[in-house]
Amino acid sequence: MTQNMQYNTSKIGIMVFVFASISMIAMSQSIQTVPYVDLERYAGKWYEIASISQRFQKTVHAPQQNTP
């Protein structure tokens, strides 16, 4: 292996280690939920006001979501 490939392999190994460590810390913390959610408050028509364009959405104009 060349020195550059060894350097890249080392960087990848360190990144995997850091990601695994962060994942383990995140999994050890418990998730708390709220006891009640007022669904009527969120019912109705929702509009998307900002987003990152995706290639499959090139023909979409003024997207909206209707909730029951």
C-alpha atoms as a PDB file:
ATOM      1  CA  MET A   1       0.000   0.000   0.000  1.00  0.00           C
ATOM      2  CA  THR A   2       1.105   3.505  -0.642  1.00  0.00           C
ATOM      3  CA  GLN A   3       1.399   6.009   2.177  1.00  0.00           C
ATOM      4  CA  ASN A   4      -1.661   7.929   0.897  1.00  0.00           C
ATOM      5  CA  MET A   5      -3.815   4.786   0.949  1.00  0.00           C
ATOM      6  CA  GLN A   6      -2.660   3.979   4.488  1.00  0.00           C
ATOM      7  CA  TYR A   7      -3.546   7.533   5.548  1.00  0.00           C
ATOM      8  CA  ASN A   8      -7.033   7.230   3.993  1.00  0.00           C
ATOM      9  CA  THR A   9      -7.575   3.847   5.646  1.00  0.00           C
ATOM     10  CA  SER A  10      -6.572   5.319   9.003  1.00  0.00           C
ATOM     11  CA  LYS A  11      -8.990   8.240   8.539  1.00  0.00           C
ATOM     12  CA  ILE A  12     -11.836   5.860   7.719  1.00  0.00           C
ATOM     13  CA  GLY A  13     -11.038   3.729  10.760  1.00  0.00           C
ATOM     14  CA  ILE A  14     -11.038   6.749  13.052  1.00  0.00           C
ATOM     15  CA  MET A  15     -14.333   7.998  11.584  1.00  0.00           C
ATOM     16  CA  VAL A  16     -15.969   4.578  12.108  1.00  0.00           C
ATOM     17  CA  PHE A  17     -14.727   4.500  15.704  1.00  0.00           C
ATOM     18  CA  VAL A  18     -16.051   8.011  16.421  1.00  0.00           C
ATOM     19  CA  PHE A  19     -19.421   7.258  14.804  1.00  0.00           C
ATOM     20  CA  ALA A  20     -19.761   4.005  16.766  1.00  0.00           C
ATOM     21  CA  SER A  21     -18.877   5.792  20.008  1.00  0.00           C
ATOM     22  CA  ILE A  22     -21.435   8.542  19.405  1.00  0.00           C
ATOM     23  CA  SER A  23     -24.076   5.953  18.500  1.00  0.00           C
ATOM     24  CA  MET A  24     -23.462   4.032  21.716  1.00  0.00           C
ATOM     25  CA  ILE A  25     -23.782   7.215  23.788  1.00  0.00           C
ATOM     26  CA  ALA A  26     -26.996   8.188  21.990  1.00  0.00           C
ATOM     27  CA  MET A  27     -28.515   4.727  22.490  1.00  0.00           C
ATOM     28  CA  SER A  28     -27.749   4.774  26.215  1.00  0.00           C
ATOM     29  CA  GLN A  29     -29.939   7.854  26.760  1.00  0.00           C
ATOM     30  CA  SER A  30     -33.630   7.098  27.164  1.00  0.00           C
ATOM     31  CA  ILE A  31     -36.209   8.835  24.988  1.00  0.00           C
ATOM     32  CA  GLN A  32     -39.028  10.525  26.860  1.00  0.00           C
ATOM     33  CA  THR A  33     -42.410  11.038  25.236  1.00  0.00           C
ATOM     34  CA  VAL A  34     -45.135  13.496  26.087  1.00  0.00           C
ATOM     35  CA  PRO A  35     -48.296  12.142  27.736  1.00  0.00           C
ATOM     36  CA  TYR A  36     -50.708  13.874  25.321  1.00  0.00           C
ATOM     37  CA  VAL A  37     -50.652  15.425  21.846  1.00  0.00           C
ATOM     38  CA  ASP A  38     -53.508  17.611  20.595  1.00  0.00           C
ATOM     39  CA  LEU A  39     -53.922  16.193  17.070  1.00  0.00           C
ATOM     40  CA  GLU A  40     -56.691  18.662  16.198  1.00  0.00           C
ATOM     41  CA  ARG A  41     -54.144  21.452  16.518  1.00  0.00           C
ATOM     42  CA  TYR A  42     -52.052  19.961  13.711  1.00  0.00           C
ATOM     43  CA  ALA A  43     -54.897  18.848  11.431  1.00  0.00           C
ATOM     44  CA  GLY A  44     -55.488  20.730   8.197  1.00  0.00           C
ATOM     45  CA  LYS A  45     -53.489  21.864   5.199  1.00  0.00           C
ATOM     46  CA  TRP A  46     -49.706  22.123   5.501  1.00  0.00           C
ATOM     47  CA  TYR A  47     -47.475  23.972   3.037  1.00  0.00           C
ATOM     48  CA  GLU A  48     -43.804  23.412   2.403  1.00  0.00           C
ATOM     49  CA  ILE A  49     -42.099  26.794   2.723  1.00  0.00           C
ATOM     50  CA  ALA A  50     -38.477  25.674   2.346  1.00  0.00           C
ATOM     51  CA  SER A  51     -36.668  22.533   1.280  1.00  0.00           C
ATOM     52  CA  ILE A  52     -33.658  21.125  -0.464  1.00  0.00           C
ATOM     53  CA  SER A  53     -34.625  20.174  -4.012  1.00  0.00           C
ATOM     54  CA  GLN A  54     -34.527  16.491  -4.897  1.00  0.00           C
ATOM     55  CA  ARG A  55     -34.105  15.225  -8.443  1.00  0.00           C
ATOM     56  CA  PHE A  56     -37.439  13.361  -8.333  1.00  0.00           C
ATOM     57  CA  GLN A  57     -39.283  16.586  -7.407  1.00  0.00           C
ATOM     58  CA  LYS A  58     -38.242  18.740 -10.360  1.00  0.00           C
ATOM     59  CA  THR A  59     -41.812  18.979 -11.691  1.00  0.00           C
ATOM     60  CA  VAL A  60     -43.465  19.664  -8.311  1.00  0.00           C
ATOM     61  CA  HIS A  61     -44.775  23.201  -7.777  1.00  0.00           C
ATOM     62  CA  ALA A  62     -46.189  24.511  -4.472  1.00  0.00           C
ATOM     63  CA  PRO A  63     -46.280  21.167  -2.618  1.00  0.00           C
ATOM     64  CA  GLN A  64     -48.830  20.758   0.135  1.00  0.00           C
ATOM     65  CA  GLN A  65     -49.970  18.027   2.499  1.00  0.00           C
ATOM     66  CA  ASN A  66     -53.529  17.502   3.663  1.00  0.00           C
ATOM     67  CA  THR A  67     -53.918  15.849   7.045  1.00  0.00           C
ATOM     68  CA  PRO A  68     -57.198  14.304   8.182  1.00  0.00           C
END
